[in-house]
Amino acid sequence: MSVTKILVGIDGTGAMSDAAYDAEMANSFVNRLAWKAGDNYGYWRGPIIPGGGLARAISQAFHFIEQKVKSTRGLKSVLLTGYSRGATGVVVLASKLQNIDIQVDALLLFDCVDMHLFFDAETIPKNVKNALHLTRQAESGSRSMWGNDALWYYPKHTKLERWSYLCTHGAMGGVPSSPSGDETASDFVTETIGHTNVSYADDARISAVIWADIQSFCLQHGFI
């Protein structure tokens, strides 16, 4: 019997303008996975920099999945992916789905951060069967003030893998920064709070490695 795939993604924090956001996140991993033609795919932009807009994305994604599950006959596979605060959002979304007895077959998180005042994504809920959480290494010096969420889970219910990479937070989501002004590819990536310990060239290279590394998980669980 065929399985109907329902795939939802919430992307990371970005510009207030939708046009600027779309340009900024055009190559993000979540965009590549979830922004597809088809009635069962749903992509939501992430919040603006202060965090606003995430609640709306979670609510809309929840009702999207609920409607799809109810209207689809046969076997369903619910897949969630998110980046940065959008990853926080899909963990919260999974918890909301647990409340109505909807199972999440696979959860793919790109550097889920503990950076939202109102949403708690500390623990992956029990209704998630499989999860992969990719995080930046502290040695990268990227967003050193930002801790990670979704580090706790229930081993009896969820199979969790965690992989870490020496790159910036942007590279973790598929959107590494490019040199600007007098900078060169060999310079360390500059973020709003200072320099990181990763060059622009290495950051782009590791971001490509991450995309290659997740292909087996994505293929196994139906993201691609």
C-alpha atoms as a PDB file:
ATOM      1  CA  MET A   1       0.000   0.000   0.000  1.00  0.00           C
ATOM      2  CA  SER A   2       1.332   3.449  -0.927  1.00  0.00           C
ATOM      3  CA  VAL A   3       2.084   6.021   1.776  1.00  0.00           C
ATOM      4  CA  THR A   4       1.028   9.656   1.448  1.00  0.00           C
ATOM      5  CA  LYS A   5       3.822  12.003   2.488  1.00  0.00           C
ATOM      6  CA  ILE A   6       2.953  15.240   4.306  1.00  0.00           C
ATOM      7  CA  LEU A   7       6.057  17.426   4.584  1.00  0.00           C
ATOM      8  CA  VAL A   8       6.180  20.736   6.469  1.00  0.00           C
ATOM      9  CA  GLY A   9       9.093  23.089   7.053  1.00  0.00           C
ATOM     10  CA  ILE A  10       9.580  26.304   9.030  1.00  0.00           C
ATOM     11  CA  ASP A  11      12.680  28.260   8.091  1.00  0.00           C
ATOM     12  CA  GLY A  12      14.981  30.455  10.155  1.00  0.00           C
ATOM     13  CA  THR A  13      14.848  34.063  11.276  1.00  0.00           C
ATOM     14  CA  GLY A  14      15.203  36.684   8.574  1.00  0.00           C
ATOM     15  CA  ALA A  15      14.188  40.016   7.083  1.00  0.00           C
ATOM     16  CA  MET A  16      10.774  41.551   7.770  1.00  0.00           C
ATOM     17  CA  SER A  17      10.051  42.038   4.066  1.00  0.00           C
ATOM     18  CA  ASP A  18       8.856  38.810   2.452  1.00  0.00           C
ATOM     19  CA  ALA A  19      10.669  39.694  -0.783  1.00  0.00           C
ATOM     20  CA  ALA A  20      13.959  40.257   1.050  1.00  0.00           C
ATOM     21  CA  TYR A  21      13.406  37.119   3.104  1.00  0.00           C
ATOM     22  CA  ASP A  22      12.727  34.997   0.024  1.00  0.00           C
ATOM     23  CA  ALA A  23      15.956  36.203  -1.575  1.00  0.00           C
ATOM     24  CA  GLU A  24      17.939  35.638   1.628  1.00  0.00           C
ATOM     25  CA  MET A  25      16.630  32.096   2.207  1.00  0.00           C
ATOM     26  CA  ALA A  26      16.270  30.949  -1.404  1.00  0.00           C
ATOM     27  CA  ASN A  27      18.932  28.265  -0.988  1.00  0.00           C
ATOM     28  CA  SER A  28      18.263  27.254   2.609  1.00  0.00           C
ATOM     29  CA  PHE A  29      18.045  23.554   3.376  1.00  0.00           C
ATOM     30  CA  VAL A  30      14.459  23.847   4.621  1.00  0.00           C
ATOM     31  CA  ASN A  31      13.490  25.709   1.446  1.00  0.00           C
ATOM     32  CA  ARG A  32      15.067  23.008  -0.717  1.00  0.00           C
ATOM     33  CA  LEU A  33      13.198  20.261   1.151  1.00  0.00           C
ATOM     34  CA  ALA A  34       9.776  21.775   1.781  1.00  0.00           C
ATOM     35  CA  TRP A  35       9.199  24.410  -0.915  1.00  0.00           C
ATOM     36  CA  LYS A  36       7.908  22.048  -3.591  1.00  0.00           C
ATOM     37  CA  ALA A  37       4.937  21.798  -5.875  1.00  0.00           C
ATOM     38  CA  GLY A  38       2.217  19.596  -4.458  1.00  0.00           C
ATOM     39  CA  ASP A  39      -0.728  19.826  -2.128  1.00  0.00           C
ATOM     40  CA  ASN A  40       0.998  17.936   0.682  1.00  0.00           C
ATOM     41  CA  TYR A  41       4.044  20.197   1.002  1.00  0.00           C
ATOM     42  CA  GLY A  42       4.007  23.235   3.272  1.00  0.00           C
ATOM     43  CA  TYR A  43       6.777  25.829   3.683  1.00  0.00           C
ATOM     44  CA  TRP A  44       6.594  28.694   6.154  1.00  0.00           C
ATOM     45  CA  ARG A  45       9.055  31.515   6.469  1.00  0.00           C
ATOM     46  CA  GLY A  46      10.679  31.961   9.863  1.00  0.00           C
ATOM     47  CA  PRO A  47      10.171  34.850  12.272  1.00  0.00           C
ATOM     48  CA  ILE A  48      11.557  38.357  11.983  1.00  0.00           C
ATOM     49  CA  ILE A  49      14.648  39.108  14.069  1.00  0.00           C
ATOM     50  CA  PRO A  50      12.829  39.791  17.394  1.00  0.00           C
ATOM     51  CA  GLY A  51      11.005  36.449  16.994  1.00  0.00           C
ATOM     52  CA  GLY A  52       7.600  37.681  15.864  1.00  0.00           C
ATOM     53  CA  GLY A  53       5.646  35.581  13.395  1.00  0.00           C
ATOM     54  CA  LEU A  54       6.672  32.165  14.689  1.00  0.00           C
ATOM     55  CA  ALA A  55       3.378  31.576  16.498  1.00  0.00           C
ATOM     56  CA  ARG A  56       1.473  32.193  13.268  1.00  0.00           C
ATOM     57  CA  ALA A  57       3.700  29.775  11.329  1.00  0.00           C
ATOM     58  CA  ILE A  58       3.222  27.052  13.956  1.00  0.00           C
ATOM     59  CA  SER A  59      -0.555  27.541  14.005  1.00  0.00           C
ATOM     60  CA  GLN A  60      -0.913  27.539  10.228  1.00  0.00           C
ATOM     61  CA  ALA A  61       1.325  24.482   9.854  1.00  0.00           C
ATOM     62  CA  PHE A  62      -0.624  22.645  12.557  1.00  0.00           C
ATOM     63  CA  HIS A  63      -3.966  23.215  10.830  1.00  0.00           C
ATOM     64  CA  PHE A  64      -2.420  22.305   7.469  1.00  0.00           C
ATOM     65  CA  ILE A  65      -1.240  18.929   8.777  1.00  0.00           C
ATOM     66  CA  GLU A  66      -4.440  18.255  10.721  1.00  0.00           C
ATOM     67  CA  GLN A  67      -6.538  18.863   7.603  1.00  0.00           C
ATOM     68  CA  LYS A  68      -4.280  16.738   5.408  1.00  0.00           C
ATOM     69  CA  VAL A  69      -4.266  13.821   7.841  1.00  0.00           C
ATOM     70  CA  LYS A  70      -8.058  13.899   8.184  1.00  0.00           C
ATOM     71  CA  SER A  71      -8.692  14.144   4.442  1.00  0.00           C
ATOM     72  CA  THR A  72      -6.161  11.522   3.301  1.00  0.00           C
ATOM     73  CA  ARG A  73      -7.103   7.865   3.138  1.00  0.00           C
ATOM     74  CA  GLY A  74      -4.660   5.095   3.878  1.00  0.00           C
ATOM     75  CA  LEU A  75      -1.187   5.379   5.367  1.00  0.00           C
ATOM     76  CA  LYS A  76       0.280   8.804   6.049  1.00  0.00           C
ATOM     77  CA  SER A  77       3.847   9.876   6.804  1.00  0.00           C
ATOM     78  CA  VAL A  78       4.257  13.245   8.552  1.00  0.00           C
ATOM     79  CA  LEU A  79       7.700  14.809   8.117  1.00  0.00           C
ATOM     80  CA  LEU A  80       8.875  18.031   9.778  1.00  0.00           C
ATOM     81  CA  THR A  81      11.983  20.118   9.207  1.00  0.00           C
ATOM     82  CA  GLY A  82      13.141  23.453  10.571  1.00  0.00           C
ATOM     83  CA  TYR A  83      16.136  25.760  10.892  1.00  0.00           C
ATOM     84  CA  SER A  84      17.171  27.977  13.821  1.00  0.00           C
ATOM     85  CA  ARG A  85      14.060  29.411  15.489  1.00  0.00           C
ATOM     86  CA  GLY A  86      12.047  27.642  12.802  1.00  0.00           C
ATOM     87  CA  ALA A  87      13.451  24.391  14.186  1.00  0.00           C
ATOM     88  CA  THR A  88      12.140  25.465  17.583  1.00  0.00           C
ATOM     89  CA  GLY A  89       8.835  25.969  15.833  1.00  0.00           C
ATOM     90  CA  VAL A  90       8.612  22.461  14.388  1.00  0.00           C
ATOM     91  CA  VAL A  91       9.441  20.880  17.769  1.00  0.00           C
ATOM     92  CA  VAL A  92       6.560  22.880  19.263  1.00  0.00           C
ATOM     93  CA  LEU A  93       4.445  21.820  16.277  1.00  0.00           C
ATOM     94  CA  ALA A  94       5.268  18.160  16.960  1.00  0.00           C
ATOM     95  CA  SER A  95       4.079  18.615  20.551  1.00  0.00           C
ATOM     96  CA  LYS A  96       0.813  20.085  19.328  1.00  0.00           C
ATOM     97  CA  LEU A  97       0.363  17.139  16.962  1.00  0.00           C
ATOM     98  CA  GLN A  98       0.982  14.761  19.857  1.00  0.00           C
ATOM     99  CA  ASN A  99      -2.017  16.308  21.614  1.00  0.00           C
ATOM    100  CA  ILE A 100      -4.274  15.125  18.777  1.00  0.00           C
ATOM    101  CA  ASP A 101      -2.572  11.732  18.376  1.00  0.00           C
ATOM    102  CA  ILE A 102      -0.724  12.438  15.132  1.00  0.00           C
ATOM    103  CA  GLN A 103       2.625  10.699  14.819  1.00  0.00           C
ATOM    104  CA  VAL A 104       5.658  12.414  13.278  1.00  0.00           C
ATOM    105  CA  ASP A 105       7.618   9.839  11.316  1.00  0.00           C
ATOM    106  CA  ALA A 106      10.754  11.952  10.989  1.00  0.00           C
ATOM    107  CA  LEU A 107      12.026  15.283  12.320  1.00  0.00           C
ATOM    108  CA  LEU A 108      15.016  17.015  10.709  1.00  0.00           C
ATOM    109  CA  LEU A 109      16.456  19.962  12.662  1.00  0.00           C
ATOM    110  CA  PHE A 110      19.135  22.387  11.562  1.00  0.00           C
ATOM    111  CA  ASP A 111      20.732  24.052  14.611  1.00  0.00           C
ATOM    112  CA  CYS A 112      17.586  24.380  16.724  1.00  0.00           C
ATOM    113  CA  VAL A 113      18.251  27.350  19.014  1.00  0.00           C
ATOM    114  CA  ASP A 114      16.938  28.351  22.426  1.00  0.00           C
ATOM    115  CA  MET A 115      16.175  31.915  21.378  1.00  0.00           C
ATOM    116  CA  HIS A 116      12.435  32.431  21.809  1.00  0.00           C
ATOM    117  CA  LEU A 117      10.777  33.900  24.874  1.00  0.00           C
ATOM    118  CA  PHE A 118       7.494  32.016  24.606  1.00  0.00           C
ATOM    119  CA  PHE A 119       8.208  28.618  23.082  1.00  0.00           C
ATOM    120  CA  ASP A 120       9.897  25.700  24.823  1.00  0.00           C
ATOM    121  CA  ALA A 121      11.545  23.177  22.520  1.00  0.00           C
ATOM    122  CA  GLU A 122      13.908  21.641  25.051  1.00  0.00           C
ATOM    123  CA  THR A 123      12.568  18.104  24.576  1.00  0.00           C
ATOM    124  CA  ILE A 124      11.533  16.243  21.429  1.00  0.00           C
ATOM    125  CA  PRO A 125       8.054  14.829  22.141  1.00  0.00           C
ATOM    126  CA  LYS A 126       7.227  11.129  22.293  1.00  0.00           C
ATOM    127  CA  ASN A 127       5.238  11.084  19.049  1.00  0.00           C
ATOM    128  CA  VAL A 128       8.426  11.586  16.986  1.00  0.00           C
ATOM    129  CA  LYS A 129       9.767   8.232  15.714  1.00  0.00           C
ATOM    130  CA  ASN A 130      13.021   9.380  14.109  1.00  0.00           C
ATOM    131  CA  ALA A 131      15.005  12.596  14.497  1.00  0.00           C
ATOM    132  CA  LEU A 132      18.240  14.053  13.197  1.00  0.00           C
ATOM    133  CA  HIS A 133      19.561  17.234  14.818  1.00  0.00           C
ATOM    134  CA  LEU A 134      22.543  18.976  13.242  1.00  0.00           C
ATOM    135  CA  THR A 135      24.300  21.593  15.380  1.00  0.00           C
ATOM    136  CA  ARG A 136      27.267  23.946  15.062  1.00  0.00           C
ATOM    137  CA  GLN A 137      30.320  23.265  17.213  1.00  0.00           C
ATOM    138  CA  ALA A 138      31.101  25.794  19.941  1.00  0.00           C
ATOM    139  CA  GLU A 139      34.670  26.031  18.592  1.00  0.00           C
ATOM    140  CA  SER A 140      33.311  27.780  15.509  1.00  0.00           C
ATOM    141  CA  GLY A 141      32.740  30.910  17.586  1.00  0.00           C
ATOM    142  CA  SER A 142      29.423  31.451  15.799  1.00  0.00           C
ATOM    143  CA  ARG A 143      26.510  32.856  17.817  1.00  0.00           C
ATOM    144  CA  SER A 144      28.294  31.843  21.008  1.00  0.00           C
ATOM    145  CA  MET A 145      25.498  33.360  23.107  1.00  0.00           C
ATOM    146  CA  TRP A 146      22.923  31.047  21.507  1.00  0.00           C
ATOM    147  CA  GLY A 147      22.320  27.684  23.142  1.00  0.00           C
ATOM    148  CA  ASN A 148      20.599  24.768  21.460  1.00  0.00           C
ATOM    149  CA  ASP A 149      17.172  23.308  22.128  1.00  0.00           C
ATOM    150  CA  ALA A 150      15.847  19.833  21.260  1.00  0.00           C
ATOM    151  CA  LEU A 151      18.717  18.127  23.070  1.00  0.00           C
ATOM    152  CA  TRP A 152      16.463  15.933  25.226  1.00  0.00           C
ATOM    153  CA  TYR A 153      14.258  13.109  23.988  1.00  0.00           C
ATOM    154  CA  TYR A 154      12.560   9.861  25.028  1.00  0.00           C
ATOM    155  CA  PRO A 155      14.763   6.930  23.912  1.00  0.00           C
ATOM    156  CA  LYS A 156      11.907   4.429  24.195  1.00  0.00           C
ATOM    157  CA  HIS A 157       9.919   6.410  21.649  1.00  0.00           C
ATOM    158  CA  THR A 158      12.418   8.281  19.465  1.00  0.00           C
ATOM    159  CA  LYS A 159      15.566   7.300  17.620  1.00  0.00           C
ATOM    160  CA  LEU A 160      17.716  10.454  17.703  1.00  0.00           C
ATOM    161  CA  GLU A 161      20.978  11.162  15.914  1.00  0.00           C
ATOM    162  CA  ARG A 162      23.045  14.299  16.548  1.00  0.00           C
ATOM    163  CA  TRP A 163      25.784  15.477  14.217  1.00  0.00           C
ATOM    164  CA  SER A 164      27.891  18.594  14.779  1.00  0.00           C
ATOM    165  CA  TYR A 165      29.959  20.699  12.378  1.00  0.00           C
ATOM    166  CA  LEU A 166      32.669  23.352  12.625  1.00  0.00           C
ATOM    167  CA  CYS A 167      30.815  26.106  10.806  1.00  0.00           C
ATOM    168  CA  THR A 168      28.601  29.127  11.395  1.00  0.00           C
ATOM    169  CA  HIS A 169      24.926  29.118  12.250  1.00  0.00           C
ATOM    170  CA  GLY A 170      24.167  30.363   8.735  1.00  0.00           C
ATOM    171  CA  ALA A 171      26.037  27.480   7.134  1.00  0.00           C
ATOM    172  CA  MET A 172      24.072  25.054   9.312  1.00  0.00           C
ATOM    173  CA  GLY A 173      20.913  26.219   7.549  1.00  0.00           C
ATOM    174  CA  GLY A 174      22.339  26.258   4.042  1.00  0.00           C
ATOM    175  CA  VAL A 175      22.839  30.028   3.943  1.00  0.00           C
ATOM    176  CA  PRO A 176      26.539  30.716   4.633  1.00  0.00           C
ATOM    177  CA  SER A 177      27.647  34.343   4.413  1.00  0.00           C
ATOM    178  CA  SER A 178      29.744  35.695   1.564  1.00  0.00           C
ATOM    179  CA  PRO A 179      32.684  38.093   1.933  1.00  0.00           C
ATOM    180  CA  SER A 180      31.781  41.756   1.663  1.00  0.00           C
ATOM    181  CA  GLY A 181      33.737  44.934   1.113  1.00  0.00           C
ATOM    182  CA  ASP A 182      37.473  44.286   1.409  1.00  0.00           C
ATOM    183  CA  GLU A 183      36.978  40.777   2.827  1.00  0.00           C
ATOM    184  CA  THR A 184      38.283  37.705   1.027  1.00  0.00           C
ATOM    185  CA  ALA A 185      37.284  34.052   1.149  1.00  0.00           C
ATOM    186  CA  SER A 186      40.188  33.325   3.488  1.00  0.00           C
ATOM    187  CA  ASP A 187      39.000  35.860   6.094  1.00  0.00           C
ATOM    188  CA  PHE A 188      37.015  34.717   9.114  1.00  0.00           C
ATOM    189  CA  VAL A 189      33.257  35.097   8.827  1.00  0.00           C
ATOM    190  CA  THR A 190      32.016  38.289  10.486  1.00  0.00           C
ATOM    191  CA  GLU A 191      28.711  38.186  12.367  1.00  0.00           C
ATOM    192  CA  THR A 192      26.873  41.026  14.085  1.00  0.00           C
ATOM    193  CA  ILE A 193      28.643  40.300  17.380  1.00  0.00           C
ATOM    194  CA  GLY A 194      32.127  39.879  15.904  1.00  0.00           C
ATOM    195  CA  HIS A 195      34.397  37.470  14.061  1.00  0.00           C
ATOM    196  CA  THR A 196      33.981  33.707  14.115  1.00  0.00           C
ATOM    197  CA  ASN A 197      36.744  31.122  13.898  1.00  0.00           C
ATOM    198  CA  VAL A 198      35.680  29.889  10.452  1.00  0.00           C
ATOM    199  CA  SER A 199      36.748  31.324   7.101  1.00  0.00           C
ATOM    200  CA  TYR A 200      34.191  32.177   4.431  1.00  0.00           C
ATOM    201  CA  ALA A 201      35.652  29.462   2.192  1.00  0.00           C
ATOM    202  CA  ASP A 202      35.517  26.764   4.856  1.00  0.00           C
ATOM    203  CA  ASP A 203      32.024  27.826   5.888  1.00  0.00           C
ATOM    204  CA  ALA A 204      30.678  27.401   2.355  1.00  0.00           C
ATOM    205  CA  ARG A 205      32.501  24.084   2.013  1.00  0.00           C
ATOM    206  CA  ILE A 206      31.108  22.668   5.267  1.00  0.00           C
ATOM    207  CA  SER A 207      27.602  23.818   4.380  1.00  0.00           C
ATOM    208  CA  ALA A 208      27.843  21.769   1.186  1.00  0.00           C
ATOM    209  CA  VAL A 209      29.120  18.809   3.233  1.00  0.00           C
ATOM    210  CA  ILE A 210      26.073  19.057   5.526  1.00  0.00           C
ATOM    211  CA  TRP A 211      23.711  18.911   2.549  1.00  0.00           C
ATOM    212  CA  ALA A 212      25.530  15.857   1.227  1.00  0.00           C
ATOM    213  CA  ASP A 213      25.563  14.181   4.645  1.00  0.00           C
ATOM    214  CA  ILE A 214      21.809  14.428   5.201  1.00  0.00           C
ATOM    215  CA  GLN A 215      20.882  12.784   1.906  1.00  0.00           C
ATOM    216  CA  SER A 216      20.824   9.262   3.373  1.00  0.00           C
ATOM    217  CA  PHE A 217      18.486  10.317   6.206  1.00  0.00           C
ATOM    218  CA  CYS A 218      16.291  12.248   3.765  1.00  0.00           C
ATOM    219  CA  LEU A 219      16.062   9.327   1.370  1.00  0.00           C
ATOM    220  CA  GLN A 220      15.371   6.818   4.129  1.00  0.00           C
ATOM    221  CA  HIS A 221      12.515   8.813   5.593  1.00  0.00           C
ATOM    222  CA  GLY A 222      11.014  10.359   2.474  1.00  0.00           C
ATOM    223  CA  PHE A 223      12.141  13.995   2.583  1.00  0.00           C
ATOM    224  CA  ILE A 224      13.458  13.637  -0.965  1.00  0.00           C
END
